[in-house]
Amino acid sequence: MAKQTYNRIYTPERWEKVNKYNKQLLDDYILQIRSEGKSEKSIKQYYNDARIILIYIMEELDNKQLYRLNRKALRNFVLWMQDNGMSAARINRMLSTTRNLFNFVAEDDDYEEDFEDCKVNPNRLKGLRKEKARDIIFLTNEEVMCIYNSLVKQERYSEALLCAFLYDSSCRRNEAFQVTREDISIEANFTKNEVTGKRGKKFRLIYHQLTKEAYGLYMEHRNDEEQHLWETRHGGPAAYETLYNQIVSWRKILLKEMGVEKEFNPHSFRHSSLNNYENGTHYMCEKLGKRFTLQELQLLANHSDISTTQSYLEDKSTDKLLEAFGM
């Protein structure tokens, strides 16, 4: 985009008014493309283009979240860019950034729930290829414990704590990333401070014995007083994307220890935790002698709608149908 066009549209005052959700989404998107090895020059270009998009949404579309846009809004965005003197090449680049943002929302674990409600059909946006819906990967309690025990054995204590905390709390990766050293205590069951979840909702996260065990081991081997909780394998604070890479690396553990090949990701732990609480196989179910109801899981997952919680669980409709026919 020509520098004079950008400077005419972007001002700090306008940017301040852009809603926090869209700003956070942009920050996460920039982290993603940085992890892909894009040059700093390209990253700056993406960032500036995206800021113009979000300013347009703020001024012309009531500051809506990105996933609430519709096709008409995108058509009008093209007209708006033309009115602001952008060339055809610049408009095509801006549309490319828009598509990339929608792709990011669709594929990122922390935004997939929002994308389910998106009013734009990305397959009808020019240049977007139709993506096959990703399969939900569920881990059994035995598989989670296998990963956890292997991490402890390898003295990867930060990762062992991450595994335990995700499985105990059913939280999202973004929520876990906000947890600091002081938030976990052997004597407590909720994080000391609240985290910020979807749509700015604030809540504390629950954890249990596995998290406390991992936390105790981890603290025994921490030789600093820093407040960050998650670390790289070489020490030092872990970045947001580092958590993703660590979790994906656990696939090798499962394959080596149990001969099981599953392409799970961070969000698989949220699905698996809720699913195992519901079917009674989570280690806490055995400890408490109970299975958790859908209403209880809704509270645990901090979902506004119980149908969202239901969608996180394994589809048992086929099994029920076979059972009804005595098969």
C-alpha atoms as a PDB file:
ATOM      1  CA  MET A   1       0.000   0.000   0.000  1.00  0.00           C
ATOM      2  CA  ALA A   2       1.341   3.430  -0.885  1.00  0.00           C
ATOM      3  CA  LYS A   3       2.740   5.038   2.245  1.00  0.00           C
ATOM      4  CA  GLN A   4       0.620   8.171   1.838  1.00  0.00           C
ATOM      5  CA  THR A   5      -2.567   6.067   1.599  1.00  0.00           C
ATOM      6  CA  TYR A   6      -1.646   4.129   4.745  1.00  0.00           C
ATOM      7  CA  ASN A   7      -0.803   7.303   6.677  1.00  0.00           C
ATOM      8  CA  ARG A   8      -4.084   8.883   5.637  1.00  0.00           C
ATOM      9  CA  ILE A   9      -6.151   5.947   6.931  1.00  0.00           C
ATOM     10  CA  TYR A  10      -4.128   4.801   9.947  1.00  0.00           C
ATOM     11  CA  THR A  11      -3.826   7.044  12.987  1.00  0.00           C
ATOM     12  CA  PRO A  12      -3.093   6.055  16.600  1.00  0.00           C
ATOM     13  CA  GLU A  13      -6.447   7.532  17.602  1.00  0.00           C
ATOM     14  CA  ARG A  14      -8.349   5.349  15.153  1.00  0.00           C
ATOM     15  CA  TRP A  15      -6.355   2.259  16.085  1.00  0.00           C
ATOM     16  CA  GLU A  16      -7.131   2.813  19.763  1.00  0.00           C
ATOM     17  CA  LYS A  17     -10.843   2.425  18.990  1.00  0.00           C
ATOM     18  CA  VAL A  18     -10.501  -0.966  17.269  1.00  0.00           C
ATOM     19  CA  ASN A  19     -12.064  -3.690  19.437  1.00  0.00           C
ATOM     20  CA  LYS A  20      -9.753  -5.799  21.569  1.00  0.00           C
ATOM     21  CA  TYR A  21     -10.874  -9.095  20.056  1.00  0.00           C
ATOM     22  CA  ASN A  22      -9.731  -8.105  16.561  1.00  0.00           C
ATOM     23  CA  LYS A  23      -6.455  -6.723  17.921  1.00  0.00           C
ATOM     24  CA  GLN A  24      -5.761  -9.977  19.766  1.00  0.00           C
ATOM     25  CA  LEU A  25      -6.599 -11.970  16.650  1.00  0.00           C
ATOM     26  CA  LEU A  26      -4.137  -9.866  14.660  1.00  0.00           C
ATOM     27  CA  ASP A  27      -1.425 -10.362  17.289  1.00  0.00           C
ATOM     28  CA  ASP A  28      -1.961 -14.134  17.147  1.00  0.00           C
ATOM     29  CA  TYR A  29      -1.895 -14.049  13.339  1.00  0.00           C
ATOM     30  CA  ILE A  30       1.400 -12.165  13.341  1.00  0.00           C
ATOM     31  CA  LEU A  31       2.864 -14.725  15.754  1.00  0.00           C
ATOM     32  CA  GLN A  32       1.790 -17.460  13.367  1.00  0.00           C
ATOM     33  CA  ILE A  33       3.368 -15.959  10.245  1.00  0.00           C
ATOM     34  CA  ARG A  34       6.518 -15.091  12.189  1.00  0.00           C
ATOM     35  CA  SER A  35       6.787 -18.762  13.233  1.00  0.00           C
ATOM     36  CA  GLU A  36       6.531 -19.670   9.528  1.00  0.00           C
ATOM     37  CA  GLY A  37       9.780 -17.804   8.881  1.00  0.00           C
ATOM     38  CA  LYS A  38       8.392 -14.780   7.040  1.00  0.00           C
ATOM     39  CA  SER A  39      10.789 -11.870   6.718  1.00  0.00           C
ATOM     40  CA  GLU A  40      10.327  -8.869   8.983  1.00  0.00           C
ATOM     41  CA  LYS A  41       9.579  -6.769   5.912  1.00  0.00           C
ATOM     42  CA  SER A  42       6.734  -9.131   4.902  1.00  0.00           C
ATOM     43  CA  ILE A  43       5.430  -9.278   8.466  1.00  0.00           C
ATOM     44  CA  LYS A  44       5.307  -5.480   8.630  1.00  0.00           C
ATOM     45  CA  GLN A  45       3.394  -5.427   5.340  1.00  0.00           C
ATOM     46  CA  TYR A  46       0.849  -7.981   6.595  1.00  0.00           C
ATOM     47  CA  TYR A  47       0.493  -6.086   9.857  1.00  0.00           C
ATOM     48  CA  ASN A  48      -0.100  -2.724   8.203  1.00  0.00           C
ATOM     49  CA  ASP A  49      -2.585  -4.191   5.725  1.00  0.00           C
ATOM     50  CA  ALA A  50      -4.481  -5.903   8.522  1.00  0.00           C
ATOM     51  CA  ARG A  51      -4.622  -2.717  10.589  1.00  0.00           C
ATOM     52  CA  ILE A  52      -6.337  -0.961   7.682  1.00  0.00           C
ATOM     53  CA  ILE A  53      -8.860  -3.812   7.468  1.00  0.00           C
ATOM     54  CA  LEU A  54      -9.624  -3.577  11.184  1.00  0.00           C
ATOM     55  CA  ILE A  55      -9.932   0.209  11.052  1.00  0.00           C
ATOM     56  CA  TYR A  56     -12.428  -0.185   8.217  1.00  0.00           C
ATOM     57  CA  ILE A  57     -14.419  -2.640  10.346  1.00  0.00           C
ATOM     58  CA  MET A  58     -14.301  -0.204  13.270  1.00  0.00           C
ATOM     59  CA  GLU A  59     -15.500   2.796  11.284  1.00  0.00           C
ATOM     60  CA  GLU A  60     -17.900   1.234   8.793  1.00  0.00           C
ATOM     61  CA  LEU A  61     -19.113  -2.001  10.419  1.00  0.00           C
ATOM     62  CA  ASP A  62     -19.771  -1.054  14.048  1.00  0.00           C
ATOM     63  CA  ASN A  63     -16.428  -2.483  15.183  1.00  0.00           C
ATOM     64  CA  LYS A  64     -17.652  -6.080  14.730  1.00  0.00           C
ATOM     65  CA  GLN A  65     -15.475  -9.103  15.389  1.00  0.00           C
ATOM     66  CA  LEU A  66     -13.934 -10.395  12.169  1.00  0.00           C
ATOM     67  CA  TYR A  67     -15.978 -13.596  12.162  1.00  0.00           C
ATOM     68  CA  ARG A  68     -19.237 -11.585  12.212  1.00  0.00           C
ATOM     69  CA  LEU A  69     -18.634 -10.097   8.769  1.00  0.00           C
ATOM     70  CA  ASN A  70     -20.776 -11.117   5.798  1.00  0.00           C
ATOM     71  CA  ARG A  71     -20.201 -11.165   2.029  1.00  0.00           C
ATOM     72  CA  LYS A  72     -21.834  -7.779   1.581  1.00  0.00           C
ATOM     73  CA  ALA A  73     -19.356  -6.254   4.031  1.00  0.00           C
ATOM     74  CA  LEU A  74     -16.448  -7.606   2.009  1.00  0.00           C
ATOM     75  CA  ARG A  75     -17.930  -6.297  -1.242  1.00  0.00           C
ATOM     76  CA  ASN A  76     -18.334  -2.867   0.318  1.00  0.00           C
ATOM     77  CA  PHE A  77     -14.761  -3.066   1.581  1.00  0.00           C
ATOM     78  CA  VAL A  78     -13.569  -3.180  -2.039  1.00  0.00           C
ATOM     79  CA  LEU A  79     -15.604  -0.069  -2.840  1.00  0.00           C
ATOM     80  CA  TRP A  80     -14.201   1.654   0.239  1.00  0.00           C
ATOM     81  CA  MET A  81     -10.628   0.910  -0.854  1.00  0.00           C
ATOM     82  CA  GLN A  82     -11.363   2.288  -4.318  1.00  0.00           C
ATOM     83  CA  ASP A  83     -12.800   5.454  -2.783  1.00  0.00           C
ATOM     84  CA  ASN A  84      -9.571   5.827  -0.803  1.00  0.00           C
ATOM     85  CA  GLY A  85      -7.511   5.833  -3.980  1.00  0.00           C
ATOM     86  CA  MET A  86      -5.948   2.380  -3.778  1.00  0.00           C
ATOM     87  CA  SER A  87      -4.726   0.811  -7.001  1.00  0.00           C
ATOM     88  CA  ALA A  88      -5.998  -2.535  -8.274  1.00  0.00           C
ATOM     89  CA  ALA A  89      -2.738  -4.169  -7.177  1.00  0.00           C
ATOM     90  CA  ARG A  90      -3.058  -2.763  -3.650  1.00  0.00           C
ATOM     91  CA  ILE A  91      -6.704  -3.848  -3.440  1.00  0.00           C
ATOM     92  CA  ASN A  92      -5.765  -7.388  -4.480  1.00  0.00           C
ATOM     93  CA  ARG A  93      -3.098  -7.455  -1.785  1.00  0.00           C
ATOM     94  CA  MET A  94      -5.562  -6.258   0.839  1.00  0.00           C
ATOM     95  CA  LEU A  95      -8.046  -8.931  -0.224  1.00  0.00           C
ATOM     96  CA  SER A  96      -5.274 -11.517   0.031  1.00  0.00           C
ATOM     97  CA  THR A  97      -4.609 -10.403   3.621  1.00  0.00           C
ATOM     98  CA  THR A  98      -8.343 -10.623   4.338  1.00  0.00           C
ATOM     99  CA  ARG A  99      -8.423 -14.192   3.049  1.00  0.00           C
ATOM    100  CA  ASN A 100      -5.352 -15.061   5.107  1.00  0.00           C
ATOM    101  CA  LEU A 101      -7.036 -13.747   8.247  1.00  0.00           C
ATOM    102  CA  PHE A 102     -10.128 -15.849   7.552  1.00  0.00           C
ATOM    103  CA  ASN A 103      -7.934 -18.886   6.930  1.00  0.00           C
ATOM    104  CA  PHE A 104      -6.170 -18.247  10.212  1.00  0.00           C
ATOM    105  CA  VAL A 105      -9.458 -17.993  12.122  1.00  0.00           C
ATOM    106  CA  ALA A 106     -10.666 -21.211  10.492  1.00  0.00           C
ATOM    107  CA  GLU A 107      -7.540 -23.226  11.250  1.00  0.00           C
ATOM    108  CA  ASP A 108      -6.332 -21.945  14.613  1.00  0.00           C
ATOM    109  CA  ASP A 109      -7.398 -24.003  17.618  1.00  0.00           C
ATOM    110  CA  ASP A 110      -8.235 -20.973  19.724  1.00  0.00           C
ATOM    111  CA  TYR A 111     -10.613 -19.466  17.161  1.00  0.00           C
ATOM    112  CA  GLU A 112     -12.338 -22.490  15.611  1.00  0.00           C
ATOM    113  CA  GLU A 113     -15.446 -22.136  17.783  1.00  0.00           C
ATOM    114  CA  ASP A 114     -15.942 -18.577  16.573  1.00  0.00           C
ATOM    115  CA  PHE A 115     -15.477 -19.568  12.964  1.00  0.00           C
ATOM    116  CA  GLU A 116     -18.386 -22.016  13.283  1.00  0.00           C
ATOM    117  CA  ASP A 117     -20.650 -18.956  13.590  1.00  0.00           C
ATOM    118  CA  CYS A 118     -18.952 -17.000  10.798  1.00  0.00           C
ATOM    119  CA  LYS A 119     -21.373 -15.421   8.350  1.00  0.00           C
ATOM    120  CA  VAL A 120     -18.877 -15.533   5.496  1.00  0.00           C
ATOM    121  CA  ASN A 121     -18.603 -18.789   3.581  1.00  0.00           C
ATOM    122  CA  PRO A 122     -14.839 -18.842   2.931  1.00  0.00           C
ATOM    123  CA  ASN A 123     -15.278 -21.310   0.093  1.00  0.00           C
ATOM    124  CA  ARG A 124     -17.169 -18.607  -1.820  1.00  0.00           C
ATOM    125  CA  LEU A 125     -14.430 -16.035  -1.394  1.00  0.00           C
ATOM    126  CA  LYS A 126     -12.370 -15.846  -4.556  1.00  0.00           C
ATOM    127  CA  GLY A 127      -8.986 -17.446  -4.131  1.00  0.00           C
ATOM    128  CA  LEU A 128      -9.879 -19.654  -1.174  1.00  0.00           C
ATOM    129  CA  ARG A 129      -9.683 -23.371  -1.729  1.00  0.00           C
ATOM    130  CA  LYS A 130     -12.158 -25.637  -0.044  1.00  0.00           C
ATOM    131  CA  GLU A 131     -10.629 -27.187   3.036  1.00  0.00           C
ATOM    132  CA  LYS A 132     -11.546 -30.581   4.327  1.00  0.00           C
ATOM    133  CA  ALA A 133     -12.960 -30.343   7.825  1.00  0.00           C
ATOM    134  CA  ARG A 134     -10.350 -31.421  10.330  1.00  0.00           C
ATOM    135  CA  ASP A 135     -11.029 -34.593  12.240  1.00  0.00           C
ATOM    136  CA  ILE A 136     -11.269 -34.254  16.003  1.00  0.00           C
ATOM    137  CA  ILE A 137      -8.558 -36.359  17.627  1.00  0.00           C
ATOM    138  CA  PHE A 138      -9.415 -37.842  21.016  1.00  0.00           C
ATOM    139  CA  LEU A 139      -6.818 -39.171  23.449  1.00  0.00           C
ATOM    140  CA  THR A 140      -7.669 -41.824  26.000  1.00  0.00           C
ATOM    141  CA  ASN A 141      -6.783 -41.448  29.664  1.00  0.00           C
ATOM    142  CA  GLU A 142      -4.133 -44.145  29.199  1.00  0.00           C
ATOM    143  CA  GLU A 143      -2.568 -42.247  26.294  1.00  0.00           C
ATOM    144  CA  VAL A 144      -2.459 -38.971  28.221  1.00  0.00           C
ATOM    145  CA  MET A 145      -0.850 -40.708  31.180  1.00  0.00           C
ATOM    146  CA  CYS A 146       1.679 -42.340  28.878  1.00  0.00           C
ATOM    147  CA  ILE A 147       2.689 -38.920  27.514  1.00  0.00           C
ATOM    148  CA  TYR A 148       2.810 -37.396  31.002  1.00  0.00           C
ATOM    149  CA  ASN A 149       4.918 -40.190  32.514  1.00  0.00           C
ATOM    150  CA  SER A 150       7.351 -40.115  29.609  1.00  0.00           C
ATOM    151  CA  LEU A 151       7.815 -36.346  29.949  1.00  0.00           C
ATOM    152  CA  VAL A 152       8.513 -36.740  33.671  1.00  0.00           C
ATOM    153  CA  LYS A 153      10.969 -39.562  32.977  1.00  0.00           C
ATOM    154  CA  GLN A 154      12.783 -37.341  30.469  1.00  0.00           C
ATOM    155  CA  GLU A 155      12.819 -34.519  33.063  1.00  0.00           C
ATOM    156  CA  ARG A 156      10.826 -32.264  30.709  1.00  0.00           C
ATOM    157  CA  TYR A 157       8.976 -30.902  33.720  1.00  0.00           C
ATOM    158  CA  SER A 158       7.520 -27.767  32.160  1.00  0.00           C
ATOM    159  CA  GLU A 159       5.967 -29.880  29.410  1.00  0.00           C
ATOM    160  CA  ALA A 160       4.750 -32.476  31.909  1.00  0.00           C
ATOM    161  CA  LEU A 161       2.988 -29.675  33.792  1.00  0.00           C
ATOM    162  CA  LEU A 162       1.476 -28.393  30.551  1.00  0.00           C
ATOM    163  CA  CYS A 163       0.159 -31.862  29.727  1.00  0.00           C
ATOM    164  CA  ALA A 164      -1.324 -32.287  33.200  1.00  0.00           C
ATOM    165  CA  PHE A 165      -2.803 -28.792  33.337  1.00  0.00           C
ATOM    166  CA  LEU A 166      -4.493 -29.040  29.933  1.00  0.00           C
ATOM    167  CA  TYR A 167      -5.953 -32.432  30.831  1.00  0.00           C
ATOM    168  CA  ASP A 168      -7.134 -31.348  34.284  1.00  0.00           C
ATOM    169  CA  SER A 169      -8.609 -27.971  33.365  1.00  0.00           C
ATOM    170  CA  SER A 170      -9.959 -28.603  29.828  1.00  0.00           C
ATOM    171  CA  CYS A 171      -8.694 -25.125  28.972  1.00  0.00           C
ATOM    172  CA  ARG A 172      -7.594 -23.635  25.672  1.00  0.00           C
ATOM    173  CA  ARG A 173      -3.929 -23.141  24.850  1.00  0.00           C
ATOM    174  CA  ASN A 174      -4.358 -19.361  24.957  1.00  0.00           C
ATOM    175  CA  GLU A 175      -5.839 -19.607  28.461  1.00  0.00           C
ATOM    176  CA  ALA A 176      -3.052 -21.891  29.681  1.00  0.00           C
ATOM    177  CA  PHE A 177      -0.461 -19.504  28.253  1.00  0.00           C
ATOM    178  CA  GLN A 178      -1.743 -16.753  30.575  1.00  0.00           C
ATOM    179  CA  VAL A 179      -1.089 -18.804  33.725  1.00  0.00           C
ATOM    180  CA  THR A 180       1.930 -17.677  35.735  1.00  0.00           C
ATOM    181  CA  ARG A 181       4.089 -19.329  38.362  1.00  0.00           C
ATOM    182  CA  GLU A 182       2.111 -17.842  41.256  1.00  0.00           C
ATOM    183  CA  ASP A 183      -1.217 -19.043  39.865  1.00  0.00           C
ATOM    184  CA  ILE A 184      -0.687 -22.688  40.874  1.00  0.00           C
ATOM    185  CA  SER A 185      -0.347 -23.947  44.419  1.00  0.00           C
ATOM    186  CA  ILE A 186      -0.168 -27.414  45.952  1.00  0.00           C
ATOM    187  CA  GLU A 187      -2.806 -26.307  48.485  1.00  0.00           C
ATOM    188  CA  ALA A 188      -5.324 -24.913  45.964  1.00  0.00           C
ATOM    189  CA  ASN A 189      -7.489 -26.193  43.112  1.00  0.00           C
ATOM    190  CA  PHE A 190      -8.117 -22.978  41.184  1.00  0.00           C
ATOM    191  CA  THR A 191      -5.624 -20.595  39.615  1.00  0.00           C
ATOM    192  CA  LYS A 192      -4.946 -17.583  41.807  1.00  0.00           C
ATOM    193  CA  ASN A 193      -5.738 -15.129  39.021  1.00  0.00           C
ATOM    194  CA  GLU A 194      -8.364 -15.099  36.313  1.00  0.00           C
ATOM    195  CA  VAL A 195      -7.542 -15.682  32.679  1.00  0.00           C
ATOM    196  CA  THR A 196      -9.303 -14.077  29.734  1.00  0.00           C
ATOM    197  CA  GLY A 197     -11.131 -16.486  27.454  1.00  0.00           C
ATOM    198  CA  LYS A 198     -13.296 -16.108  24.378  1.00  0.00           C
ATOM    199  CA  ARG A 199     -15.159 -12.830  23.968  1.00  0.00           C
ATOM    200  CA  GLY A 200     -13.338 -11.309  26.931  1.00  0.00           C
ATOM    201  CA  LYS A 201     -14.895 -13.671  29.486  1.00  0.00           C
ATOM    202  CA  LYS A 202     -12.817 -13.883  32.669  1.00  0.00           C
ATOM    203  CA  PHE A 203     -12.569 -16.937  34.931  1.00  0.00           C
ATOM    204  CA  ARG A 204     -10.191 -19.000  37.015  1.00  0.00           C
ATOM    205  CA  LEU A 205      -9.050 -22.430  35.866  1.00  0.00           C
ATOM    206  CA  ILE A 206      -9.441 -25.591  37.932  1.00  0.00           C
ATOM    207  CA  TYR A 207      -6.697 -28.201  38.339  1.00  0.00           C
ATOM    208  CA  HIS A 208      -6.191 -31.433  40.268  1.00  0.00           C
ATOM    209  CA  GLN A 209      -3.670 -33.946  41.566  1.00  0.00           C
ATOM    210  CA  LEU A 210      -1.769 -34.526  38.326  1.00  0.00           C
ATOM    211  CA  THR A 211      -1.110 -30.798  37.936  1.00  0.00           C
ATOM    212  CA  LYS A 212      -0.003 -30.506  41.561  1.00  0.00           C
ATOM    213  CA  GLU A 213       2.375 -33.449  41.184  1.00  0.00           C
ATOM    214  CA  ALA A 214       3.905 -31.994  38.010  1.00  0.00           C
ATOM    215  CA  TYR A 215       4.103 -28.505  39.530  1.00  0.00           C
ATOM    216  CA  GLY A 216       5.961 -29.847  42.570  1.00  0.00           C
ATOM    217  CA  LEU A 217       8.513 -31.641  40.399  1.00  0.00           C
ATOM    218  CA  TYR A 218       8.908 -28.603  38.171  1.00  0.00           C
ATOM    219  CA  MET A 219       9.480 -26.190  41.040  1.00  0.00           C
ATOM    220  CA  GLU A 220      12.123 -28.475  42.532  1.00  0.00           C
ATOM    221  CA  HIS A 221      14.156 -27.996  39.377  1.00  0.00           C
ATOM    222  CA  ARG A 222      13.512 -24.288  38.735  1.00  0.00           C
ATOM    223  CA  ASN A 223      16.518 -22.245  39.782  1.00  0.00           C
ATOM    224  CA  ASP A 224      15.049 -18.781  39.308  1.00  0.00           C
ATOM    225  CA  GLU A 225      12.379 -16.541  40.782  1.00  0.00           C
ATOM    226  CA  GLU A 226      10.848 -15.378  37.506  1.00  0.00           C
ATOM    227  CA  GLN A 227       7.049 -15.386  37.277  1.00  0.00           C
ATOM    228  CA  HIS A 228       6.691 -16.998  33.860  1.00  0.00           C
ATOM    229  CA  LEU A 229       5.474 -20.590  34.113  1.00  0.00           C
ATOM    230  CA  TRP A 230       6.131 -22.225  30.755  1.00  0.00           C
ATOM    231  CA  GLU A 231       9.686 -22.732  29.538  1.00  0.00           C
ATOM    232  CA  THR A 232      11.532 -23.980  26.479  1.00  0.00           C
ATOM    233  CA  ARG A 233      13.578 -27.165  26.753  1.00  0.00           C
ATOM    234  CA  HIS A 234      16.696 -25.036  27.084  1.00  0.00           C
ATOM    235  CA  GLY A 235      15.254 -22.780  29.764  1.00  0.00           C
ATOM    236  CA  GLY A 236      13.789 -19.317  29.472  1.00  0.00           C
ATOM    237  CA  PRO A 237      10.194 -18.225  28.844  1.00  0.00           C
ATOM    238  CA  ALA A 238       8.276 -20.159  26.203  1.00  0.00           C
ATOM    239  CA  ALA A 239       6.499 -18.204  23.463  1.00  0.00           C
ATOM    240  CA  TYR A 240       2.879 -18.915  22.605  1.00  0.00           C
ATOM    241  CA  GLU A 241       3.850 -20.904  19.506  1.00  0.00           C
ATOM    242  CA  THR A 242       6.360 -22.899  21.553  1.00  0.00           C
ATOM    243  CA  LEU A 243       3.488 -24.509  23.447  1.00  0.00           C
ATOM    244  CA  TYR A 244       2.012 -25.681  20.149  1.00  0.00           C
ATOM    245  CA  ASN A 245       5.315 -27.146  19.003  1.00  0.00           C
ATOM    246  CA  GLN A 246       5.882 -28.885  22.324  1.00  0.00           C
ATOM    247  CA  ILE A 247       2.454 -30.515  22.295  1.00  0.00           C
ATOM    248  CA  VAL A 248       2.789 -31.685  18.698  1.00  0.00           C
ATOM    249  CA  SER A 249       6.178 -33.219  19.580  1.00  0.00           C
ATOM    250  CA  TRP A 250       4.400 -35.502  22.053  1.00  0.00           C
ATOM    251  CA  ARG A 251       3.033 -37.468  19.096  1.00  0.00           C
ATOM    252  CA  LYS A 252       6.447 -39.156  18.924  1.00  0.00           C
ATOM    253  CA  ILE A 253       6.117 -40.264  22.549  1.00  0.00           C
ATOM    254  CA  LEU A 254       2.767 -41.913  21.887  1.00  0.00           C
ATOM    255  CA  LEU A 255       4.110 -43.653  18.802  1.00  0.00           C
ATOM    256  CA  LYS A 256       7.255 -44.881  20.546  1.00  0.00           C
ATOM    257  CA  GLU A 257       5.674 -45.969  23.841  1.00  0.00           C
ATOM    258  CA  MET A 258       2.330 -47.344  22.669  1.00  0.00           C
ATOM    259  CA  GLY A 259       2.679 -47.759  18.915  1.00  0.00           C
ATOM    260  CA  VAL A 260      -0.240 -45.350  18.480  1.00  0.00           C
ATOM    261  CA  GLU A 261      -0.096 -42.746  15.717  1.00  0.00           C
ATOM    262  CA  LYS A 262      -2.405 -39.775  16.283  1.00  0.00           C
ATOM    263  CA  GLU A 263      -2.003 -36.294  14.795  1.00  0.00           C
ATOM    264  CA  PHE A 264      -3.285 -34.477  17.867  1.00  0.00           C
ATOM    265  CA  ASN A 265      -2.823 -30.783  18.607  1.00  0.00           C
ATOM    266  CA  PRO A 266      -3.363 -28.538  21.651  1.00  0.00           C
ATOM    267  CA  HIS A 267      -7.125 -28.409  21.159  1.00  0.00           C
ATOM    268  CA  SER A 268      -7.227 -32.221  21.184  1.00  0.00           C
ATOM    269  CA  PHE A 269      -6.501 -32.026  24.910  1.00  0.00           C
ATOM    270  CA  ARG A 270      -9.575 -29.855  25.458  1.00  0.00           C
ATOM    271  CA  HIS A 271     -11.737 -32.313  23.525  1.00  0.00           C
ATOM    272  CA  SER A 272     -10.158 -35.327  25.223  1.00  0.00           C
ATOM    273  CA  SER A 273     -10.418 -33.902  28.725  1.00  0.00           C
ATOM    274  CA  LEU A 274     -14.113 -33.097  28.382  1.00  0.00           C
ATOM    275  CA  ASN A 275     -14.833 -36.381  26.629  1.00  0.00           C
ATOM    276  CA  ASN A 276     -13.084 -38.463  29.281  1.00  0.00           C
ATOM    277  CA  TYR A 277     -14.800 -36.583  32.113  1.00  0.00           C
ATOM    278  CA  GLU A 278     -18.108 -37.384  30.394  1.00  0.00           C
ATOM    279  CA  ASN A 279     -17.459 -41.079  29.689  1.00  0.00           C
ATOM    280  CA  GLY A 280     -15.971 -41.730  33.108  1.00  0.00           C
ATOM    281  CA  THR A 281     -12.441 -42.685  32.016  1.00  0.00           C
ATOM    282  CA  HIS A 282     -10.646 -39.538  33.247  1.00  0.00           C
ATOM    283  CA  TYR A 283      -8.458 -40.358  36.254  1.00  0.00           C
ATOM    284  CA  MET A 284     -10.485 -37.896  38.343  1.00  0.00           C
ATOM    285  CA  CYS A 285     -13.684 -39.847  37.598  1.00  0.00           C
ATOM    286  CA  GLU A 286     -12.178 -42.937  39.200  1.00  0.00           C
ATOM    287  CA  LYS A 287     -10.951 -40.874  42.138  1.00  0.00           C
ATOM    288  CA  LEU A 288     -14.395 -39.302  42.684  1.00  0.00           C
ATOM    289  CA  GLY A 289     -16.422 -42.346  41.680  1.00  0.00           C
ATOM    290  CA  LYS A 290     -18.550 -40.391  39.185  1.00  0.00           C
ATOM    291  CA  ARG A 291     -19.020 -39.295  35.606  1.00  0.00           C
ATOM    292  CA  PHE A 292     -19.653 -35.659  34.812  1.00  0.00           C
ATOM    293  CA  THR A 293     -22.912 -34.387  33.360  1.00  0.00           C
ATOM    294  CA  LEU A 294     -23.145 -32.210  30.284  1.00  0.00           C
ATOM    295  CA  GLN A 295     -24.185 -29.266  32.468  1.00  0.00           C
ATOM    296  CA  GLU A 296     -21.103 -29.723  34.662  1.00  0.00           C
ATOM    297  CA  LEU A 297     -18.868 -29.925  31.596  1.00  0.00           C
ATOM    298  CA  GLN A 298     -20.389 -26.724  30.251  1.00  0.00           C
ATOM    299  CA  LEU A 299     -19.269 -24.937  33.422  1.00  0.00           C
ATOM    300  CA  LEU A 300     -15.824 -26.518  33.228  1.00  0.00           C
ATOM    301  CA  ALA A 301     -15.364 -25.477  29.598  1.00  0.00           C
ATOM    302  CA  ASN A 302     -16.819 -21.995  30.201  1.00  0.00           C
ATOM    303  CA  HIS A 303     -19.169 -22.409  27.236  1.00  0.00           C
ATOM    304  CA  SER A 304     -22.109 -20.040  26.890  1.00  0.00           C
ATOM    305  CA  ASP A 305     -24.209 -22.644  25.061  1.00  0.00           C
ATOM    306  CA  ILE A 306     -24.509 -26.281  26.099  1.00  0.00           C
ATOM    307  CA  SER A 307     -24.702 -27.311  22.432  1.00  0.00           C
ATOM    308  CA  THR A 308     -21.096 -26.165  22.050  1.00  0.00           C
ATOM    309  CA  THR A 309     -20.088 -28.474  24.886  1.00  0.00           C
ATOM    310  CA  GLN A 310     -21.955 -31.337  23.250  1.00  0.00           C
ATOM    311  CA  SER A 311     -20.056 -30.747  20.016  1.00  0.00           C
ATOM    312  CA  TYR A 312     -16.773 -31.336  21.857  1.00  0.00           C
ATOM    313  CA  LEU A 313     -17.703 -34.925  22.731  1.00  0.00           C
ATOM    314  CA  GLU A 314     -17.489 -38.060  20.639  1.00  0.00           C
ATOM    315  CA  ASP A 315     -20.527 -38.693  18.452  1.00  0.00           C
ATOM    316  CA  LYS A 316     -22.213 -41.780  19.917  1.00  0.00           C
ATOM    317  CA  SER A 317     -25.286 -41.726  17.656  1.00  0.00           C
ATOM    318  CA  THR A 318     -24.150 -44.759  15.624  1.00  0.00           C
ATOM    319  CA  ASP A 319     -23.463 -46.814  18.755  1.00  0.00           C
ATOM    320  CA  LYS A 320     -26.861 -45.906  20.183  1.00  0.00           C
ATOM    321  CA  LEU A 321     -28.594 -46.891  16.957  1.00  0.00           C
ATOM    322  CA  LEU A 322     -26.827 -50.246  16.866  1.00  0.00           C
ATOM    323  CA  GLU A 323     -27.705 -50.812  20.504  1.00  0.00           C
ATOM    324  CA  ALA A 324     -31.368 -50.007  19.809  1.00  0.00           C
ATOM    325  CA  PHE A 325     -31.438 -52.761  17.203  1.00  0.00           C
ATOM    326  CA  GLY A 326     -29.567 -55.195  19.431  1.00  0.00           C
ATOM    327  CA  MET A 327     -26.514 -55.160  17.187  1.00  0.00           C
END
